[in-house]
Amino acid sequence: MLVMRRRQGEAIRIGDNVEIRILAVAGSRVKIGIVAPREISVTARELELVCQANRAAAGAPAEAAEAIAGALRSLRSF
């Protein structure tokens, strides 16, 4: 794991086409912006964990759950 310190207004580049920008820092909370091509999925880890728990509780096949998750990701418009 790489650990870096950044200040508000600074950014981190990952490869040639992903940039993580530090937008605001307030107390223990940090607001970040992620600039990435549409074909790269960007999902909060907490959302991923909830989806996994829901799939396990419902007993749904993983393929069906992934199709639904992909459809929801495509709805992001920002």
Protein backbone atom coordinates (compact mmCIF):
# COMPACT_ATOMS: atom_id res chain seq x y z
CA MET A 1 0.00 0.00 0.00
CA LEU A 2 1.26 3.44 -0.91
CA VAL A 3 0.47 6.17 1.65
CA MET A 4 0.62 9.80 0.57
CA ARG A 5 -0.22 13.09 2.23
CA ARG A 6 -2.12 15.58 0.13
CA ARG A 7 -3.58 19.00 0.85
CA GLN A 8 -6.78 20.52 -0.44
CA GLY A 9 -6.42 21.33 -4.13
CA GLU A 10 -3.74 18.69 -4.74
CA ALA A 11 -4.19 15.52 -6.78
CA ILE A 12 -2.87 12.00 -7.26
CA ARG A 13 -2.52 10.37 -10.69
CA ILE A 14 -3.01 6.64 -11.25
CA GLY A 15 -1.73 5.59 -14.63
CA ASP A 16 -2.43 7.89 -17.55
CA ASN A 17 -6.17 8.32 -17.17
CA VAL A 18 -7.22 8.34 -13.49
CA GLU A 19 -6.87 11.33 -11.19
CA ILE A 20 -7.95 11.65 -7.57
CA ARG A 21 -8.44 15.25 -6.45
CA ILE A 22 -8.64 16.45 -2.85
CA LEU A 23 -11.59 18.85 -2.95
CA ALA A 24 -12.09 19.71 0.72
CA VAL A 25 -10.82 18.78 4.17
CA ALA A 26 -13.01 19.46 7.21
CA GLY A 27 -12.00 17.88 10.50
CA SER A 28 -11.73 14.13 10.00
CA ARG A 29 -13.67 14.16 6.72
CA VAL A 30 -12.10 14.46 3.28
CA LYS A 31 -14.07 15.13 0.09
CA ILE A 32 -12.42 13.67 -2.99
CA GLY A 33 -13.19 13.80 -6.69
CA ILE A 34 -12.28 10.99 -9.06
CA VAL A 35 -11.73 11.62 -12.75
CA ALA A 36 -11.71 8.36 -14.72
CA PRO A 37 -12.94 7.04 -18.06
CA ARG A 38 -16.51 5.69 -18.03
CA GLU A 39 -15.30 2.13 -18.64
CA ILE A 40 -13.53 2.13 -15.25
CA SER A 41 -15.94 1.30 -12.43
CA VAL A 42 -15.65 3.55 -9.38
CA THR A 43 -17.66 2.31 -6.39
CA ALA A 44 -17.52 3.06 -2.67
CA ARG A 45 -16.29 0.01 -0.77
CA GLU A 46 -19.23 0.28 1.64
CA LEU A 47 -21.69 -0.03 -1.26
CA GLU A 48 -19.85 -3.10 -2.53
CA LEU A 49 -20.10 -4.74 0.91
CA VAL A 50 -23.83 -4.03 1.15
CA CYS A 51 -24.39 -5.53 -2.31
CA GLN A 52 -22.48 -8.68 -1.33
CA ALA A 53 -24.49 -9.03 1.88
CA ASN A 54 -27.77 -8.55 0.00
CA ARG A 55 -26.80 -11.19 -2.58
CA ALA A 56 -25.93 -13.66 0.14
CA ALA A 57 -29.19 -12.99 2.00
CA ALA A 58 -31.29 -13.33 -1.16
CA GLY A 59 -29.44 -16.37 -2.45
CA ALA A 60 -29.30 -14.75 -5.88
CA PRO A 61 -26.76 -15.94 -8.45
CA ALA A 62 -23.73 -13.66 -8.63
CA GLU A 63 -24.22 -13.07 -12.37
CA ALA A 64 -27.70 -11.61 -11.87
CA ALA A 65 -26.51 -9.36 -9.06
CA GLU A 66 -23.58 -8.12 -11.17
CA ALA A 67 -25.93 -7.29 -14.04
CA ILE A 68 -28.08 -5.19 -11.70
CA ALA A 69 -25.03 -3.51 -10.16
CA GLY A 70 -23.71 -2.68 -13.65
CA ALA A 71 -27.03 -1.15 -14.62
CA LEU A 72 -27.03 0.99 -11.48
CA ARG A 73 -23.45 2.14 -12.14
CA SER A 74 -24.40 3.22 -15.64
CA LEU A 75 -26.99 5.58 -14.16
CA ARG A 76 -24.35 7.80 -12.62
CA SER A 77 -24.50 11.10 -14.42
CA PHE A 78 -21.86 13.17 -12.70
